[in-house]
Every structure is written in structure tokens, then in C-alpha cells.
Amino acid sequence: MASTTDRIKAVRAVRQLRRTRTFYAVAVLLWAASTTWTGWQAPGSRQMWVSALLLTVFTGLLLAASLWLQRLQATSPAKPDAAPRRTARPRHPTPDRRERGWRTALTRTRGGAGRAG
């Protein structure tokens, strides 16, 4: 069984890979549009080939990130083992309003907290 820190690291890695994959997908779309535009305006130009090269690079990065994410999700635990989103109740109950009011009144009569009374 994997330790808690391994599960937390896996969840963080999946989250980061999703963000990275989104960035690469946007980059692929932009470079595809750029390659299409420069290919239409100046076919065979240096700008078209540079756009095509960058499109290929970002497509490869997107493919690698997608495969890595797929492998991580296959080996990661199910969702119920993930950390809960809500925090647990505090260990020590907070004093009710009457107690807080009594303490506040006491510190006012003594001249405030930190002074010798």
C-alpha cells in the first residue's frame, strides 16, 4: 500500500499535468493557425517552416504529457482515498459568547493585556 505522501504527490502530479496539457493544447492550436496562415501567405518560406517545426514540437509535448497523465491516472488510487476538501472540526471548542465577553471585560478593567494589574 502506498504511503499518504506518495498519494498526495500523485494527486499533485496529475493536477500539474492537466494544466500542462491544457497549455500544450492551446500552443498546438496557435501554431497550427500560424502554420496555416503563413503557408497560405508565403508557401515554402522560412516562417512557414519554423511554424511547422514549432507545431511539431508542441504536438510531441502534448502527446508525451497526455500519455504520462494516462499512466499516472491508471496507477493512482481511487478518489475516495484523496484528501477531503472540508477541514475537520477544531480539536478544542471555542468559548461561547458569554465567556469571550467575560474575558474581554476583565482585560479592559485591568488596563489591557500585557500590563500588570
C-alpha atoms as a PDB file:
ATOM      1  CA  MET A   1       0.000   0.000   0.000  1.00  0.00           C
ATOM      2  CA  ALA A   2       1.298   3.437  -0.909  1.00  0.00           C
ATOM      3  CA  SER A   3       2.006   5.961   1.807  1.00  0.00           C
ATOM      4  CA  THR A   4      -0.036   9.120   2.210  1.00  0.00           C
ATOM      5  CA  THR A   5       2.731  11.340   0.881  1.00  0.00           C
ATOM      6  CA  ASP A   6       3.002   9.212  -2.263  1.00  0.00           C
ATOM      7  CA  ARG A   7      -0.727   9.605  -2.862  1.00  0.00           C
ATOM      8  CA  ILE A   8      -0.569  13.361  -2.306  1.00  0.00           C
ATOM      9  CA  LYS A   9       2.360  13.640  -4.710  1.00  0.00           C
ATOM     10  CA  ALA A  10       0.455  11.609  -7.300  1.00  0.00           C
ATOM     11  CA  VAL A  11      -2.599  13.862  -6.980  1.00  0.00           C
ATOM     12  CA  ARG A  12      -0.413  16.959  -7.349  1.00  0.00           C
ATOM     13  CA  ALA A  13       1.370  15.468 -10.361  1.00  0.00           C
ATOM     14  CA  VAL A  14      -1.946  14.694 -12.068  1.00  0.00           C
ATOM     15  CA  ARG A  15      -3.191  18.238 -11.420  1.00  0.00           C
ATOM     16  CA  GLN A  16       0.026  19.765 -12.783  1.00  0.00           C
ATOM     17  CA  LEU A  17      -0.013  17.518 -15.850  1.00  0.00           C
ATOM     18  CA  ARG A  18      -3.588  18.553 -16.619  1.00  0.00           C
ATOM     19  CA  ARG A  19      -2.550  22.208 -16.545  1.00  0.00           C
ATOM     20  CA  THR A  20       0.491  21.499 -18.690  1.00  0.00           C
ATOM     21  CA  ARG A  21      -1.563  19.500 -21.162  1.00  0.00           C
ATOM     22  CA  THR A  22      -4.006  22.397 -21.489  1.00  0.00           C
ATOM     23  CA  PHE A  23      -1.128  24.792 -22.172  1.00  0.00           C
ATOM     24  CA  TYR A  24       0.309  22.477 -24.836  1.00  0.00           C
ATOM     25  CA  ALA A  25      -3.113  22.062 -26.465  1.00  0.00           C
ATOM     26  CA  VAL A  26      -3.513  25.840 -26.735  1.00  0.00           C
ATOM     27  CA  ALA A  27       0.019  26.128 -28.131  1.00  0.00           C
ATOM     28  CA  VAL A  28      -0.728  23.430 -30.729  1.00  0.00           C
ATOM     29  CA  LEU A  29      -3.858  25.297 -31.812  1.00  0.00           C
ATOM     30  CA  LEU A  30      -1.982  28.595 -32.099  1.00  0.00           C
ATOM     31  CA  TRP A  31       0.920  27.111 -34.042  1.00  0.00           C
ATOM     32  CA  ALA A  32      -1.473  25.232 -36.321  1.00  0.00           C
ATOM     33  CA  ALA A  33      -3.225  28.515 -37.101  1.00  0.00           C
ATOM     34  CA  SER A  34       0.139  30.226 -37.634  1.00  0.00           C
ATOM     35  CA  THR A  35       1.372  27.448 -39.914  1.00  0.00           C
ATOM     36  CA  THR A  36      -1.832  27.560 -41.927  1.00  0.00           C
ATOM     37  CA  TRP A  37      -1.699  31.344 -42.222  1.00  0.00           C
ATOM     38  CA  THR A  38       1.974  31.523 -43.230  1.00  0.00           C
ATOM     39  CA  GLY A  39       1.524  28.569 -45.592  1.00  0.00           C
ATOM     40  CA  TRP A  40      -1.325  30.455 -47.265  1.00  0.00           C
ATOM     41  CA  GLN A  41       0.524  33.796 -47.421  1.00  0.00           C
ATOM     42  CA  ALA A  42       4.043  32.607 -48.251  1.00  0.00           C
ATOM     43  CA  PRO A  43       4.215  28.903 -49.084  1.00  0.00           C
ATOM     44  CA  GLY A  44       7.650  27.384 -48.580  1.00  0.00           C
ATOM     45  CA  SER A  45       9.013  30.392 -46.680  1.00  0.00           C
ATOM     46  CA  ARG A  46      11.265  30.197 -43.648  1.00  0.00           C
ATOM     47  CA  GLN A  47       8.446  31.456 -41.395  1.00  0.00           C
ATOM     48  CA  MET A  48       6.198  28.621 -42.537  1.00  0.00           C
ATOM     49  CA  TRP A  49       8.853  26.009 -41.792  1.00  0.00           C
ATOM     50  CA  VAL A  50       9.600  27.479 -38.371  1.00  0.00           C
ATOM     51  CA  SER A  51       5.867  27.458 -37.586  1.00  0.00           C
ATOM     52  CA  ALA A  52       5.646  23.854 -38.772  1.00  0.00           C
ATOM     53  CA  LEU A  53       8.642  22.901 -36.604  1.00  0.00           C
ATOM     54  CA  LEU A  54       7.134  24.536 -33.507  1.00  0.00           C
ATOM     55  CA  LEU A  55       3.793  22.873 -34.265  1.00  0.00           C
ATOM     56  CA  THR A  56       5.583  19.515 -34.364  1.00  0.00           C
ATOM     57  CA  VAL A  57       7.432  20.226 -31.102  1.00  0.00           C
ATOM     58  CA  PHE A  58       4.283  21.216 -29.202  1.00  0.00           C
ATOM     59  CA  THR A  59       2.353  18.292 -30.681  1.00  0.00           C
ATOM     60  CA  GLY A  60       5.050  15.948 -29.363  1.00  0.00           C
ATOM     61  CA  LEU A  61       4.963  17.607 -25.947  1.00  0.00           C
ATOM     62  CA  LEU A  62       1.167  17.325 -25.861  1.00  0.00           C
ATOM     63  CA  LEU A  63       1.371  13.646 -26.773  1.00  0.00           C
ATOM     64  CA  ALA A  64       4.009  12.971 -24.108  1.00  0.00           C
ATOM     65  CA  ALA A  65       2.042  14.821 -21.406  1.00  0.00           C
ATOM     66  CA  SER A  66      -1.167  13.005 -22.366  1.00  0.00           C
ATOM     67  CA  LEU A  67       0.492   9.576 -22.219  1.00  0.00           C
ATOM     68  CA  TRP A  68       2.179  10.381 -18.913  1.00  0.00           C
ATOM     69  CA  LEU A  69      -1.131  11.594 -17.464  1.00  0.00           C
ATOM     70  CA  GLN A  70      -2.891   8.461 -18.662  1.00  0.00           C
ATOM     71  CA  ARG A  71      -0.265   6.253 -16.988  1.00  0.00           C
ATOM     72  CA  LEU A  72      -0.401   8.234 -13.752  1.00  0.00           C
ATOM     73  CA  GLN A  73      -4.182   8.032 -13.599  1.00  0.00           C
ATOM     74  CA  ALA A  74      -4.076   4.277 -14.196  1.00  0.00           C
ATOM     75  CA  THR A  75      -1.704   3.737 -11.252  1.00  0.00           C
ATOM     76  CA  SER A  76      -3.134   6.353  -8.871  1.00  0.00           C
ATOM     77  CA  PRO A  77      -5.646   5.361  -6.189  1.00  0.00           C
ATOM     78  CA  ALA A  78      -9.359   5.947  -6.486  1.00  0.00           C
ATOM     79  CA  LYS A  79     -10.884   9.286  -5.468  1.00  0.00           C
ATOM     80  CA  PRO A  80     -12.152   8.267  -2.000  1.00  0.00           C
ATOM     81  CA  ASP A  81      -8.544   7.974  -0.804  1.00  0.00           C
ATOM     82  CA  ALA A  82      -7.834  11.587  -1.711  1.00  0.00           C
ATOM     83  CA  ALA A  83      -7.738  14.232   0.987  1.00  0.00           C
ATOM     84  CA  PRO A  84     -11.120  15.671   1.940  1.00  0.00           C
ATOM     85  CA  ARG A  85     -11.886  19.209   0.820  1.00  0.00           C
ATOM     86  CA  ARG A  86     -13.530  20.238   4.093  1.00  0.00           C
ATOM     87  CA  THR A  87     -11.494  20.715   7.206  1.00  0.00           C
ATOM     88  CA  ALA A  88     -12.342  18.750  10.293  1.00  0.00           C
ATOM     89  CA  ARG A  89     -13.845  20.362  13.373  1.00  0.00           C
ATOM     90  CA  PRO A  90     -11.328  22.139  15.596  1.00  0.00           C
ATOM     91  CA  ARG A  91      -9.903  19.982  18.360  1.00  0.00           C
ATOM     92  CA  HIS A  92     -10.620  22.483  21.100  1.00  0.00           C
ATOM     93  CA  PRO A  93     -14.077  24.018  21.189  1.00  0.00           C
ATOM     94  CA  THR A  94     -14.132  27.784  21.027  1.00  0.00           C
ATOM     95  CA  PRO A  95     -15.599  29.520  24.080  1.00  0.00           C
ATOM     96  CA  ASP A  96     -19.146  30.687  23.773  1.00  0.00           C
ATOM     97  CA  ARG A  97     -20.051  34.374  23.609  1.00  0.00           C
ATOM     98  CA  ARG A  98     -20.535  34.772  27.337  1.00  0.00           C
ATOM     99  CA  GLU A  99     -17.042  33.513  28.118  1.00  0.00           C
ATOM    100  CA  ARG A 100     -15.454  35.711  25.468  1.00  0.00           C
ATOM    101  CA  GLY A 101     -17.353  38.725  26.805  1.00  0.00           C
ATOM    102  CA  TRP A 102     -16.228  37.997  30.356  1.00  0.00           C
ATOM    103  CA  ARG A 103     -12.577  37.754  29.285  1.00  0.00           C
ATOM    104  CA  THR A 104     -12.802  40.942  27.260  1.00  0.00           C
ATOM    105  CA  ALA A 105     -14.353  42.831  30.182  1.00  0.00           C
ATOM    106  CA  LEU A 106     -11.655  41.538  32.523  1.00  0.00           C
ATOM    107  CA  THR A 107      -8.811  42.717  30.293  1.00  0.00           C
ATOM    108  CA  ARG A 108     -10.468  46.153  29.977  1.00  0.00           C
ATOM    109  CA  THR A 109     -10.660  46.621  33.763  1.00  0.00           C
ATOM    110  CA  ARG A 110      -7.064  45.554  34.245  1.00  0.00           C
ATOM    111  CA  GLY A 111      -5.859  48.076  31.713  1.00  0.00           C
ATOM    112  CA  GLY A 112      -5.478  45.753  28.740  1.00  0.00           C
ATOM    113  CA  ALA A 113      -3.499  42.620  28.134  1.00  0.00           C
ATOM    114  CA  GLY A 114       0.184  42.712  28.892  1.00  0.00           C
ATOM    115  CA  ARG A 115       0.032  45.293  31.696  1.00  0.00           C
ATOM    116  CA  ALA A 116       0.471  44.379  35.296  1.00  0.00           C
ATOM    117  CA  GLY A 117      -2.750  44.960  37.169  1.00  0.00           C
END
